[in-house]
């Protein structure tokens, strides 16, 4: 604690605060939180100990020739595709009649048509997978998959229903995985817990007697997804359990190992890995699978085991996770980018993903809850090298109305009101952010006399913010300062208070621009000196 000078009849003024901002914790008692932990971070980024607004969404589908229709003509699924001929990367978006390829050099899009009479609809639950040099578009169990050879001069073709060998042709299905030169897909026509693998280097021959697996057969479990893993293995995520298939290279001699039955996965596209960690959404929150050491091998040998963490990654925000709409959560999506994991969920009464929680891998903490204008929908995250001088990989959000650059925009507004094919924006939404500190109690359980505090910020012309000081026991809340910057500067903003309470916390609301918050502190006295008690 730092004391300033006071007279004989004055109470000693003490200071407490945060010189950095690194993590969110909404679950624990705010007075017990460590320095640098905040209780609220909405649309903020806690980077390099400073807090600033997230970047604004930049709509990128305006030059595309397509008229959006909520019933029929929209974006149904997306992926990043790399051309096999020249390694050019595109974002690929499936619409009703065609796939649109997009990158910095083709901002109007390259149209790859489907064959006559073939369409994609919302009910198909479509998804992409790049297999060898081809792009496959799955369209559910009632439609044949479509296949494109990667040549922009050619259209998609219907995947042949004639097997290339002694097995069966690729079954109709909703999704697939390319791994170890095989295509791995669910086989719902056999059972809800069956998967089947293609022959090596052949996407159209599946031999059930050699490469069909019924995971946890006879249980009331259901296959949700599978994910490639080290040493020739795939992890199979069921709704209530997790299993591993070994020896994918030789399916006829592969084995199935149970990893855990304590929890499973409830959203296929929530599964994402970063290094040794695999993140996914379970009904208990976001869980993590970790690599484990095979006791039969030395430390210098590849690791083949996997184990699940006992505590959810979302434990520090457990109360917030309860706001996820579990009846619509199967479409939740995740993406690792820039040493962060972005998790998109439907929250409240929303039936589509409308909120993103951002987890900082380096700091090991959640750092923001990103919110968006009403009606905004997040179906996929995709990444692509973008921009000029030089190009840098950026994160994009895809939804039914088009796609939006999420990072690297430098914008302070969301251009989210347009629909695919809308060349001009009629309105944008300014991003507002809120950072709320932990509660400060000066290390004492009694009522204090809070006198105000100080906020360290970096501002540019036009930045605007307000500061609220709130106390508990007794409860009070008041805006104690509003500030609009007229120049670029590093400022110390002093604010008053003159309120009583057991603890006090500070909320900073950014209403315009993007000021960077460096530190904050509060000042107060414990209210008793030389037998005299202070009153507000």
Protein backbone atom coordinates (compact mmCIF):
# COMPACT_ATOMS: atom_id res chain seq x y z
CA UNK A 1 0.00 0.00 0.00
CA UNK A 2 1.09 3.58 -0.69
CA UNK A 3 0.25 6.26 1.89
CA UNK A 4 0.12 9.97 1.23
CA UNK A 5 0.61 12.67 3.85
CA UNK A 6 -2.28 13.58 6.16
CA UNK A 7 -2.90 15.81 9.15
CA UNK A 8 -3.57 14.83 12.75
CA UNK A 9 -7.33 14.81 12.23
CA UNK A 10 -7.22 13.19 8.81
CA UNK A 11 -7.65 9.55 7.95
CA UNK A 12 -4.69 8.03 6.07
CA UNK A 13 -5.46 7.69 2.37
CA UNK A 14 -4.52 4.37 0.85
CA UNK A 15 -4.27 3.41 -2.80
CA UNK A 16 -4.90 0.18 -4.60
CA UNK A 17 -5.23 -0.61 -8.29
CA UNK A 18 -4.05 -2.47 -11.34
CA UNK A 19 -1.00 -1.60 -13.44
CA UNK A 20 -1.87 -4.21 -16.07
CA UNK A 21 -4.88 -6.11 -17.40
CA UNK A 22 -4.48 -9.78 -18.24
CA UNK A 23 -7.53 -11.92 -17.46
CA UNK A 24 -11.27 -12.10 -16.83
CA UNK A 25 -12.79 -13.86 -13.84
CA UNK A 26 -16.53 -13.48 -13.41
CA UNK A 27 -16.98 -16.49 -11.15
CA UNK A 28 -15.01 -15.71 -7.98
CA UNK A 29 -15.78 -13.03 -5.42
CA UNK A 30 -14.47 -9.78 -6.99
CA UNK A 31 -12.56 -8.79 -3.81
CA UNK A 32 -10.52 -12.02 -3.94
CA UNK A 33 -9.18 -11.58 -7.47
CA UNK A 34 -5.49 -11.14 -8.22
CA UNK A 35 -3.96 -7.95 -9.57
CA UNK A 36 -4.54 -7.62 -13.32
CA UNK A 37 -7.80 -9.61 -13.25
CA UNK A 38 -11.02 -7.85 -14.25
CA UNK A 39 -14.65 -8.81 -13.74
CA UNK A 40 -15.86 -7.61 -17.14
CA UNK A 41 -14.23 -7.15 -20.52
CA UNK A 42 -16.69 -6.58 -23.34
CA UNK A 43 -15.31 -6.04 -26.85
CA UNK A 44 -11.84 -5.49 -25.41
CA UNK A 45 -8.38 -6.90 -26.03
CA UNK A 46 -5.97 -7.29 -23.10
CA UNK A 47 -2.66 -7.19 -24.95
CA UNK A 48 0.75 -6.26 -23.56
CA UNK A 49 -0.78 -5.33 -20.19
CA UNK A 50 -2.97 -2.66 -21.85
CA UNK A 51 -6.69 -2.80 -22.58
CA UNK A 52 -8.13 -1.55 -25.86
CA UNK A 53 -11.16 -2.14 -28.09
CA UNK A 54 -11.35 -5.03 -30.52
CA UNK A 55 -11.14 -4.11 -34.18
CA UNK A 56 -14.31 -3.53 -36.14
CA UNK A 57 -15.83 -5.93 -38.66
CA UNK A 58 -15.17 -5.09 -42.30
CA UNK A 59 -17.72 -6.50 -44.77
CA UNK A 60 -15.96 -8.20 -47.70
CA UNK A 61 -18.77 -9.67 -49.82
CA UNK A 62 -20.03 -6.42 -51.31
CA UNK A 63 -18.56 -6.87 -54.81
CA UNK A 64 -19.85 -10.42 -55.23
CA UNK A 65 -22.62 -11.01 -57.76
CA UNK A 66 -25.36 -12.55 -55.65
CA UNK A 67 -28.69 -11.42 -54.25
CA UNK A 68 -29.13 -12.59 -50.69
CA UNK A 69 -32.32 -14.42 -49.77
CA UNK A 70 -33.01 -15.65 -46.26
CA UNK A 71 -34.93 -18.62 -47.65
CA UNK A 72 -32.73 -19.82 -50.50
CA UNK A 73 -29.74 -17.74 -51.57
CA UNK A 74 -27.18 -17.34 -48.83
CA UNK A 75 -23.83 -18.67 -47.63
CA UNK A 76 -24.33 -22.17 -46.22
CA UNK A 77 -20.76 -23.19 -45.33
CA UNK A 78 -17.18 -22.05 -45.83
CA UNK A 79 -13.57 -23.19 -45.72
CA UNK A 80 -10.04 -22.17 -46.69
CA UNK A 81 -8.97 -23.86 -49.94
CA UNK A 82 -5.42 -24.05 -51.30
CA UNK A 83 -5.05 -24.50 -55.05
CA UNK A 84 -3.09 -27.67 -55.86
CA UNK A 85 -1.62 -26.13 -59.02
CA UNK A 86 -0.06 -22.91 -57.68
CA UNK A 87 -0.70 -22.98 -53.88
CA UNK A 88 -2.94 -19.89 -54.07
CA UNK A 89 -5.27 -19.73 -51.07
CA UNK A 90 -8.94 -18.80 -51.29
CA UNK A 91 -11.88 -18.56 -49.01
CA UNK A 92 -14.55 -20.88 -50.44
CA UNK A 93 -18.23 -20.18 -49.77
CA UNK A 94 -21.05 -22.54 -50.76
CA UNK A 95 -24.26 -20.86 -51.91
CA UNK A 96 -27.37 -22.33 -53.51
CA UNK A 97 -26.07 -22.77 -57.07
CA UNK A 98 -22.31 -22.20 -56.85
CA UNK A 99 -19.20 -21.94 -54.75
CA UNK A 100 -17.58 -18.50 -54.57
CA UNK A 101 -13.78 -18.30 -54.27
CA UNK A 102 -12.46 -15.10 -52.67
CA UNK A 103 -9.05 -13.57 -51.89
CA UNK A 104 -7.25 -10.21 -52.13
CA UNK A 105 -6.77 -10.62 -55.88
CA UNK A 106 -10.38 -11.68 -56.52
CA UNK A 107 -12.59 -9.47 -54.36
CA UNK A 108 -15.53 -9.94 -56.76
CA UNK A 109 -15.19 -13.70 -56.39
CA UNK A 110 -14.62 -16.57 -58.79
CA UNK A 111 -17.80 -18.59 -59.40
CA UNK A 112 -17.55 -22.38 -59.56
CA UNK A 113 -20.96 -23.70 -60.60
CA UNK A 114 -22.66 -26.91 -59.54
CA UNK A 115 -23.79 -29.34 -62.27
CA UNK A 116 -27.31 -28.82 -63.66
CA UNK A 117 -30.12 -29.27 -61.19
CA UNK A 118 -27.84 -29.64 -58.18
CA UNK A 119 -28.31 -27.20 -55.31
CA UNK A 120 -27.36 -26.66 -51.68
CA UNK A 121 -30.00 -25.85 -49.08
CA UNK A 122 -29.95 -25.03 -45.39
CA UNK A 123 -31.37 -28.46 -44.48
CA UNK A 124 -28.36 -30.16 -46.11
CA UNK A 125 -26.07 -29.08 -43.25
CA UNK A 126 -23.37 -28.72 -45.88
CA UNK A 127 -19.64 -28.78 -45.18
CA UNK A 128 -16.35 -28.80 -47.09
CA UNK A 129 -13.24 -30.91 -46.92
CA UNK A 130 -10.16 -30.64 -49.13
CA UNK A 131 -9.04 -34.13 -50.11
CA UNK A 132 -5.74 -34.48 -51.94
CA UNK A 133 -6.10 -32.00 -54.84
CA UNK A 134 -9.92 -31.85 -54.76
CA UNK A 135 -12.58 -29.98 -52.82
CA UNK A 136 -15.55 -32.07 -51.67
CA UNK A 137 -18.85 -30.51 -50.66
CA UNK A 138 -20.97 -32.78 -48.45
CA UNK A 139 -24.73 -32.22 -48.61
CA UNK A 140 -26.20 -34.50 -45.97
CA UNK A 141 -27.49 -38.05 -46.12
CA UNK A 142 -30.05 -37.41 -48.88
CA UNK A 143 -27.77 -35.87 -51.55
CA UNK A 144 -24.62 -37.05 -53.27
CA UNK A 145 -21.45 -35.11 -52.40
CA UNK A 146 -20.14 -32.68 -55.02
CA UNK A 147 -16.49 -32.65 -56.07
CA UNK A 148 -14.27 -30.03 -57.73
CA UNK A 149 -10.81 -30.64 -59.17
CA UNK A 150 -9.37 -27.26 -58.17
CA UNK A 151 -9.21 -25.87 -61.71
CA UNK A 152 -11.13 -22.56 -61.87
CA UNK A 153 -12.01 -23.33 -65.51
CA UNK A 154 -14.07 -26.34 -64.39
CA UNK A 155 -17.33 -26.73 -62.49
CA UNK A 156 -18.23 -29.09 -59.68
CA UNK A 157 -19.25 -32.64 -60.52
CA UNK A 158 -21.52 -35.03 -58.65
CA UNK A 159 -19.40 -37.57 -56.80
CA UNK A 160 -19.84 -40.84 -58.65
CA UNK A 161 -21.92 -43.51 -56.93
CA UNK A 162 -19.79 -46.27 -58.46
CA UNK A 163 -16.94 -47.41 -56.24
CA UNK A 164 -13.45 -47.41 -57.67
CA UNK A 165 -12.71 -50.81 -56.10
CA UNK A 166 -14.35 -53.73 -54.37
CA UNK A 167 -15.97 -51.62 -51.66
CA UNK A 168 -18.71 -48.97 -51.78
CA UNK A 169 -18.60 -45.43 -53.16
CA UNK A 170 -18.40 -42.52 -50.74
CA UNK A 171 -21.70 -42.55 -48.80
CA UNK A 172 -23.90 -39.48 -48.53
CA UNK A 173 -23.00 -37.70 -45.29
CA UNK A 174 -22.67 -34.31 -43.59
CA UNK A 175 -18.93 -33.99 -42.98
CA UNK A 176 -15.57 -35.67 -43.39
CA UNK A 177 -11.88 -35.55 -42.49
CA UNK A 178 -8.82 -35.95 -44.70
CA UNK A 179 -6.13 -37.74 -42.67
CA UNK A 180 -3.22 -40.05 -43.44
CA UNK A 181 -4.18 -40.12 -47.16
CA UNK A 182 -7.67 -41.37 -46.33
CA UNK A 183 -11.11 -39.80 -46.18
CA UNK A 184 -12.87 -40.52 -42.88
CA UNK A 185 -16.61 -39.95 -42.69
CA UNK A 186 -19.54 -40.83 -40.41
CA UNK A 187 -21.86 -43.52 -41.74
CA UNK A 188 -25.28 -42.69 -40.26
CA UNK A 189 -27.02 -45.23 -42.51
CA UNK A 190 -25.29 -47.97 -40.47
CA UNK A 191 -25.67 -46.43 -37.00
CA UNK A 192 -25.33 -43.08 -35.20
CA UNK A 193 -21.95 -44.21 -33.82
CA UNK A 194 -20.35 -45.59 -37.02
CA UNK A 195 -17.46 -44.16 -39.03
CA UNK A 196 -15.78 -45.57 -42.11
CA UNK A 197 -12.43 -44.90 -43.81
CA UNK A 198 -11.62 -44.89 -47.50
CA UNK A 199 -8.77 -46.76 -49.11
CA UNK A 200 -5.42 -44.99 -49.06
CA UNK A 201 -5.18 -42.29 -51.78
CA UNK A 202 -8.70 -43.15 -52.96
CA UNK A 203 -11.70 -41.08 -51.90
CA UNK A 204 -14.29 -43.32 -53.54
CA UNK A 205 -13.69 -46.83 -52.23
CA UNK A 206 -14.77 -47.74 -48.70
CA UNK A 207 -14.45 -51.35 -47.56
CA UNK A 208 -16.63 -51.96 -44.52
CA UNK A 209 -15.02 -55.27 -43.58
CA UNK A 210 -11.64 -53.55 -43.20
CA UNK A 211 -12.29 -49.94 -42.26
CA UNK A 212 -15.68 -49.60 -40.55
CA UNK A 213 -15.77 -48.81 -36.81
CA UNK A 214 -18.76 -48.78 -34.49
CA UNK A 215 -17.64 -46.66 -31.53
CA UNK A 216 -19.06 -47.67 -28.14
CA UNK A 217 -21.58 -49.94 -29.85
CA UNK A 218 -24.81 -50.55 -27.99
CA UNK A 219 -24.62 -47.37 -25.94
CA UNK A 220 -27.00 -44.43 -26.12
CA UNK A 221 -24.07 -42.36 -27.35
CA UNK A 222 -23.80 -40.60 -30.71
CA UNK A 223 -20.79 -39.78 -32.88
CA UNK A 224 -20.31 -36.01 -33.13
CA UNK A 225 -16.90 -35.60 -34.80
CA UNK A 226 -13.38 -36.95 -35.21
CA UNK A 227 -10.04 -35.19 -35.14
CA UNK A 228 -6.61 -36.19 -36.41
CA UNK A 229 -4.00 -36.85 -33.74
CA UNK A 230 -0.36 -37.85 -33.40
CA UNK A 231 1.12 -41.19 -34.38
CA UNK A 232 -1.47 -42.33 -36.89
CA UNK A 233 -4.50 -41.88 -34.64
CA UNK A 234 -7.83 -40.12 -34.68
CA UNK A 235 -9.83 -38.97 -31.67
CA UNK A 236 -13.54 -39.79 -31.88
CA UNK A 237 -15.80 -37.38 -30.02
CA UNK A 238 -19.16 -38.77 -28.95
CA UNK A 239 -21.84 -36.79 -27.15
CA UNK A 240 -21.07 -38.47 -23.82
CA UNK A 241 -17.61 -39.97 -24.22
CA UNK A 242 -14.32 -39.75 -26.14
CA UNK A 243 -12.43 -42.57 -27.84
CA UNK A 244 -9.31 -43.03 -29.95
CA UNK A 245 -8.70 -45.19 -33.02
CA UNK A 246 -5.10 -46.24 -33.49
CA UNK A 247 -3.22 -47.29 -36.63
CA UNK A 248 -5.22 -45.40 -39.25
CA UNK A 249 -2.63 -46.35 -41.88
CA UNK A 250 -3.70 -50.00 -41.54
CA UNK A 251 -7.38 -49.96 -40.54
CA UNK A 252 -7.69 -53.76 -40.64
CA UNK A 253 -5.41 -53.95 -37.60
CA UNK A 254 -6.55 -50.75 -35.88
CA UNK A 255 -7.84 -50.68 -32.32
CA UNK A 256 -10.31 -48.52 -30.39
CA UNK A 257 -9.32 -47.11 -26.98
CA UNK A 258 -11.60 -45.28 -24.58
CA UNK A 259 -10.22 -41.92 -23.40
CA UNK A 260 -13.01 -40.81 -21.05
CA UNK A 261 -16.71 -41.20 -20.42
CA UNK A 262 -16.90 -38.26 -18.01
CA UNK A 263 -17.88 -35.92 -20.85
CA UNK A 264 -18.12 -35.73 -24.62
CA UNK A 265 -18.53 -33.06 -27.28
CA UNK A 266 -21.80 -31.31 -28.15
CA UNK A 267 -20.67 -29.20 -31.13
CA UNK A 268 -18.63 -30.62 -34.02
CA UNK A 269 -17.09 -27.36 -35.17
CA UNK A 270 -16.08 -26.38 -31.63
CA UNK A 271 -13.12 -28.82 -31.80
CA UNK A 272 -9.82 -27.07 -32.45
CA UNK A 273 -6.22 -27.69 -31.50
CA UNK A 274 -3.23 -25.53 -30.63
CA UNK A 275 0.00 -27.42 -30.13
CA UNK A 276 -0.63 -30.25 -27.66
CA UNK A 277 -4.02 -28.92 -26.53
CA UNK A 278 -7.35 -29.83 -28.13
CA UNK A 279 -10.25 -27.57 -27.15
CA UNK A 280 -13.92 -28.51 -27.51
CA UNK A 281 -17.32 -27.71 -26.08
CA UNK A 282 -18.95 -30.20 -23.73
CA UNK A 283 -22.12 -29.84 -21.70
CA UNK A 284 -19.83 -28.90 -18.76
CA UNK A 285 -18.19 -26.03 -20.66
CA UNK A 286 -15.06 -25.86 -22.79
CA UNK A 287 -12.80 -28.82 -22.02
CA UNK A 288 -9.20 -29.54 -22.99
CA UNK A 289 -7.48 -32.75 -24.03
CA UNK A 290 -3.77 -32.90 -23.29
CA UNK A 291 -1.02 -35.09 -24.66
CA UNK A 292 0.16 -37.69 -22.18
CA UNK A 293 3.30 -39.73 -21.91
CA UNK A 294 3.15 -43.37 -22.89
CA UNK A 295 4.95 -45.10 -19.99
CA UNK A 296 6.39 -47.65 -22.42
CA UNK A 297 8.31 -44.92 -24.23
CA UNK A 298 11.05 -42.50 -23.29
CA UNK A 299 10.80 -38.75 -23.12
CA UNK A 300 12.52 -38.39 -26.49
CA UNK A 301 9.97 -40.57 -28.27
CA UNK A 302 6.69 -39.37 -29.78
CA UNK A 303 3.78 -39.18 -27.37
CA UNK A 304 0.69 -41.18 -28.22
CA UNK A 305 -1.58 -40.97 -25.20
CA UNK A 306 -4.22 -38.34 -24.56
CA UNK A 307 -6.06 -37.40 -21.38
CA UNK A 308 -8.86 -35.04 -20.50
CA UNK A 309 -8.58 -32.22 -18.00
CA UNK A 310 -10.79 -32.52 -14.93
CA UNK A 311 -11.56 -28.79 -14.74
CA UNK A 312 -13.23 -26.92 -17.61
CA UNK A 313 -11.21 -24.19 -19.31
CA UNK A 314 -14.25 -22.01 -18.72
CA UNK A 315 -14.16 -22.35 -14.91
CA UNK A 316 -13.26 -18.62 -14.46
CA UNK A 317 -16.36 -17.65 -16.46
CA UNK A 318 -18.62 -20.52 -15.38
CA UNK A 319 -21.50 -18.18 -14.61
CA UNK A 320 -21.30 -16.70 -18.11
CA UNK A 321 -21.22 -20.13 -19.78
CA UNK A 322 -24.60 -20.84 -18.21
CA UNK A 323 -26.00 -18.25 -20.61
CA UNK A 324 -25.25 -20.51 -23.61
CA UNK A 325 -28.46 -21.67 -25.29
CA UNK A 326 -27.91 -25.43 -25.11
CA UNK A 327 -30.90 -26.14 -27.36
CA UNK A 328 -29.06 -24.45 -30.26
CA UNK A 329 -25.43 -25.07 -29.32
CA UNK A 330 -24.67 -27.81 -31.88
CA UNK A 331 -23.58 -25.11 -34.34
CA UNK A 332 -20.97 -23.55 -32.01
CA UNK A 333 -17.63 -22.90 -33.73
CA UNK A 334 -14.03 -22.32 -32.63
CA UNK A 335 -10.79 -21.17 -34.26
CA UNK A 336 -7.18 -20.71 -33.16
CA UNK A 337 -5.60 -17.52 -34.49
CA UNK A 338 -2.83 -15.19 -33.33
CA UNK A 339 -2.21 -17.17 -30.13
CA UNK A 340 -5.86 -16.90 -29.20
CA UNK A 341 -8.86 -19.21 -29.35
CA UNK A 342 -12.12 -17.71 -30.54
CA UNK A 343 -15.25 -19.54 -29.32
CA UNK A 344 -18.62 -18.55 -30.86
CA UNK A 345 -21.84 -19.58 -29.08
CA UNK A 346 -25.56 -18.81 -29.11
CA UNK A 347 -26.34 -16.97 -25.88
CA UNK A 348 -29.56 -15.97 -24.19
CA UNK A 349 -32.56 -16.72 -26.39
CA UNK A 350 -30.54 -16.61 -29.62
CA UNK A 351 -30.69 -19.72 -31.78
CA UNK A 352 -27.55 -18.75 -33.74
CA UNK A 353 -23.99 -17.96 -32.66
CA UNK A 354 -24.07 -14.32 -31.59
CA UNK A 355 -21.30 -14.06 -28.96
CA UNK A 356 -17.55 -14.76 -29.10
CA UNK A 357 -15.41 -15.50 -26.06
CA UNK A 358 -11.70 -14.90 -26.65
CA UNK A 359 -9.09 -16.99 -24.84
CA UNK A 360 -5.43 -15.87 -24.76
CA UNK A 361 -3.24 -18.97 -25.08
CA UNK A 362 -0.05 -17.20 -24.01
CA UNK A 363 -1.64 -15.66 -20.94
CA UNK A 364 -3.76 -18.72 -20.13
CA UNK A 365 -6.92 -16.68 -19.59
CA UNK A 366 -10.10 -15.41 -21.20
CA UNK A 367 -9.70 -11.77 -22.18
CA UNK A 368 -12.94 -10.66 -23.83
CA UNK A 369 -16.59 -11.28 -24.48
CA UNK A 370 -17.22 -9.95 -27.99
CA UNK A 371 -20.75 -8.83 -28.78
CA UNK A 372 -22.18 -7.72 -32.12
CA UNK A 373 -25.09 -5.73 -33.52
CA UNK A 374 -28.52 -7.36 -33.26
CA UNK A 375 -29.11 -10.08 -35.84
CA UNK A 376 -25.45 -10.79 -36.56
CA UNK A 377 -24.76 -14.52 -37.04
CA UNK A 378 -21.47 -16.43 -36.87
CA UNK A 379 -21.47 -19.75 -38.75
CA UNK A 380 -17.75 -20.25 -39.38
CA UNK A 381 -14.29 -18.85 -38.73
CA UNK A 382 -11.84 -18.99 -41.65
CA UNK A 383 -8.34 -17.57 -42.15
CA UNK A 384 -6.60 -16.26 -45.26
CA UNK A 385 -3.49 -14.24 -46.18
CA UNK A 386 -4.97 -10.82 -46.92
CA UNK A 387 -4.05 -7.23 -47.71
CA UNK A 388 -0.89 -5.85 -49.27
CA UNK A 389 2.71 -4.89 -48.39
CA UNK A 390 2.90 -7.52 -47.01
CA UNK A 391 -0.05 -9.86 -46.85
CA UNK A 392 -0.74 -11.20 -43.38
CA UNK A 393 -3.05 -14.02 -42.42
CA UNK A 394 -6.28 -12.60 -41.02
CA UNK A 395 -9.33 -14.07 -39.33
CA UNK A 396 -12.71 -13.87 -41.07
CA UNK A 397 -16.24 -14.55 -39.87
CA UNK A 398 -18.67 -16.21 -42.28
CA UNK A 399 -22.43 -16.05 -41.88
CA UNK A 400 -25.48 -16.44 -44.11
CA UNK A 401 -25.30 -12.82 -45.30
CA UNK A 402 -21.62 -12.91 -46.34
CA UNK A 403 -18.16 -12.71 -44.81
CA UNK A 404 -16.40 -10.17 -42.63
CA UNK A 405 -12.77 -9.47 -41.83
CA UNK A 406 -12.46 -9.75 -38.03
CA UNK A 407 -8.79 -8.90 -37.43
CA UNK A 408 -6.39 -6.45 -39.04
CA UNK A 409 -9.08 -3.97 -40.09
CA UNK A 410 -8.03 -1.06 -37.87
CA UNK A 411 -11.71 -0.04 -37.79
CA UNK A 412 -13.66 1.23 -34.78
CA UNK A 413 -17.08 0.43 -36.29
CA UNK A 414 -18.83 -2.78 -37.34
CA UNK A 415 -19.90 -2.83 -40.98
CA UNK A 416 -22.25 -5.72 -40.30
CA UNK A 417 -25.58 -4.53 -41.68
CA UNK A 418 -24.98 -5.43 -45.32
CA UNK A 419 -25.87 -8.56 -47.26
CA UNK A 420 -23.80 -10.39 -49.85
CA UNK A 421 -23.79 -8.33 -53.05
CA UNK A 422 -24.43 -4.99 -51.26
CA UNK A 423 -21.75 -2.73 -52.72
CA UNK A 424 -22.30 0.27 -50.42
CA UNK A 425 -22.82 0.49 -46.69
CA UNK A 426 -25.87 2.37 -45.52
CA UNK A 427 -25.01 2.24 -41.82
CA UNK A 428 -22.26 1.08 -39.50
CA UNK A 429 -22.34 0.46 -35.77
CA UNK A 430 -19.76 2.06 -33.49
CA UNK A 431 -18.07 -0.46 -31.22
CA UNK A 432 -18.49 0.23 -27.55
CA UNK A 433 -16.44 -1.56 -24.92
CA UNK A 434 -16.49 -1.93 -21.16
CA UNK A 435 -13.68 -2.83 -18.78
CA UNK A 436 -14.67 -3.36 -15.13
CA UNK A 437 -12.01 -3.87 -12.49
CA UNK A 438 -11.94 -6.27 -9.60
CA UNK A 439 -13.30 -4.93 -6.30
CA UNK A 440 -10.76 -3.18 -4.05
CA UNK A 441 -11.12 -3.41 -0.27
CA UNK A 442 -7.76 -2.04 0.98
CA UNK A 443 -7.20 -5.33 2.81
CA UNK A 444 -9.87 -4.61 5.41
CA UNK A 445 -13.35 -5.91 6.12
CA UNK A 446 -14.80 -2.59 7.32
CA UNK A 447 -16.54 0.24 5.52
CA UNK A 448 -14.18 2.67 3.75
CA UNK A 449 -14.43 6.25 2.68
CA UNK A 450 -13.69 6.22 -1.09
CA UNK A 451 -12.37 9.48 -2.41
CA UNK A 452 -11.85 8.71 -6.13
CA UNK A 453 -8.89 7.59 -8.18
CA UNK A 454 -6.94 7.82 -11.38
CA UNK A 455 -6.97 6.26 -14.86
CA UNK A 456 -3.93 6.15 -17.13
CA UNK A 457 -4.89 6.22 -20.83
CA UNK A 458 -3.46 6.81 -24.28
CA UNK A 459 -5.92 8.80 -26.39
CA UNK A 460 -6.29 10.14 -29.91
CA UNK A 461 -8.42 13.02 -31.11
CA UNK A 462 -12.09 12.05 -30.87
CA UNK A 463 -11.72 9.25 -28.33
CA UNK A 464 -14.42 9.32 -25.66
CA UNK A 465 -14.98 7.39 -22.44
CA UNK A 466 -16.78 7.53 -19.13
CA UNK A 467 -15.81 6.22 -15.69
CA UNK A 468 -18.20 4.74 -13.15
CA UNK A 469 -17.31 4.15 -9.50
CA UNK A 470 -19.42 1.51 -7.76
CA UNK A 471 -19.36 0.36 -4.12
CA UNK A 472 -20.81 -2.57 -2.22
CA UNK A 473 -22.22 -2.59 1.34
CA UNK A 474 -23.68 -0.03 1.04
CA UNK A 475 -24.29 -0.33 -2.70
CA UNK A 476 -23.94 2.69 -4.92
CA UNK A 477 -22.97 3.50 -8.49
CA UNK A 478 -22.32 6.81 -10.19
CA UNK A 479 -20.60 8.16 -13.27
CA UNK A 480 -17.71 10.18 -11.89
CA UNK A 481 -16.02 11.36 -15.09
CA UNK A 482 -16.67 11.71 -18.82
CA UNK A 483 -13.78 12.53 -21.11
CA UNK A 484 -13.44 13.42 -24.80
CA UNK A 485 -9.93 13.71 -26.19
CA UNK A 486 -9.02 16.59 -28.50
CA UNK A 487 -5.45 15.49 -29.19
CA UNK A 488 -3.14 12.50 -29.14
CA UNK A 489 -1.65 12.17 -25.68
CA UNK A 490 -0.89 10.02 -22.68
CA UNK A 491 -3.18 11.29 -19.95
CA UNK A 492 -3.78 10.75 -16.26
CA UNK A 493 -7.50 11.23 -15.68
CA UNK A 494 -8.35 12.04 -12.07
CA UNK A 495 -11.85 11.33 -10.81
CA UNK A 496 -13.63 11.93 -7.52
CA UNK A 497 -16.09 9.82 -5.58
CA UNK A 498 -16.81 10.68 -1.98
CA UNK A 499 -18.79 7.53 -1.27
CA UNK A 500 -18.78 4.91 1.47
CA UNK A 501 -18.64 1.15 1.04
CA UNK A 502 -16.87 -2.04 1.96
CA UNK A 503 -15.34 -2.32 -1.54
CA UNK A 504 -15.13 -0.26 -4.71
CA UNK A 505 -14.66 -1.07 -8.38
CA UNK A 506 -14.19 1.02 -11.48
CA UNK A 507 -15.89 0.58 -14.87
CA UNK A 508 -14.52 2.28 -17.96
CA UNK A 509 -16.96 2.54 -20.87
CA UNK A 510 -15.49 3.43 -24.27
CA UNK A 511 -18.09 5.19 -26.38
CA UNK A 512 -16.03 6.47 -29.31
CA UNK A 513 -12.62 5.79 -30.84
CA UNK A 514 -10.16 3.42 -29.20
CA UNK A 515 -8.35 4.79 -26.15
CA UNK A 516 -5.84 2.40 -24.60
CA UNK A 517 -6.10 1.89 -20.85
CA UNK A 518 -2.71 1.59 -19.12
CA UNK A 519 -3.58 1.48 -15.43
CA UNK A 520 -6.14 2.46 -12.82
CA UNK A 521 -6.13 3.05 -9.08
CA UNK A 522 -8.60 3.96 -6.37
CA UNK A 523 -8.04 5.98 -3.22
CA UNK A 524 -9.79 5.62 0.10
CA UNK A 525 -9.42 5.53 3.84
CA UNK A 526 -10.44 2.85 6.28
CA UNK A 527 -12.46 5.39 8.18
CA UNK A 528 -10.95 5.28 11.69
CA UNK A 529 -7.99 7.18 13.19
CA UNK A 530 -7.30 8.35 16.78
CA UNK A 531 -10.70 7.08 17.86
CA UNK A 532 -12.55 9.09 15.20
CA UNK A 533 -14.57 7.52 12.35
CA UNK A 534 -14.85 9.25 9.01
CA UNK A 535 -18.16 9.77 7.32
CA UNK A 536 -18.81 10.55 3.70
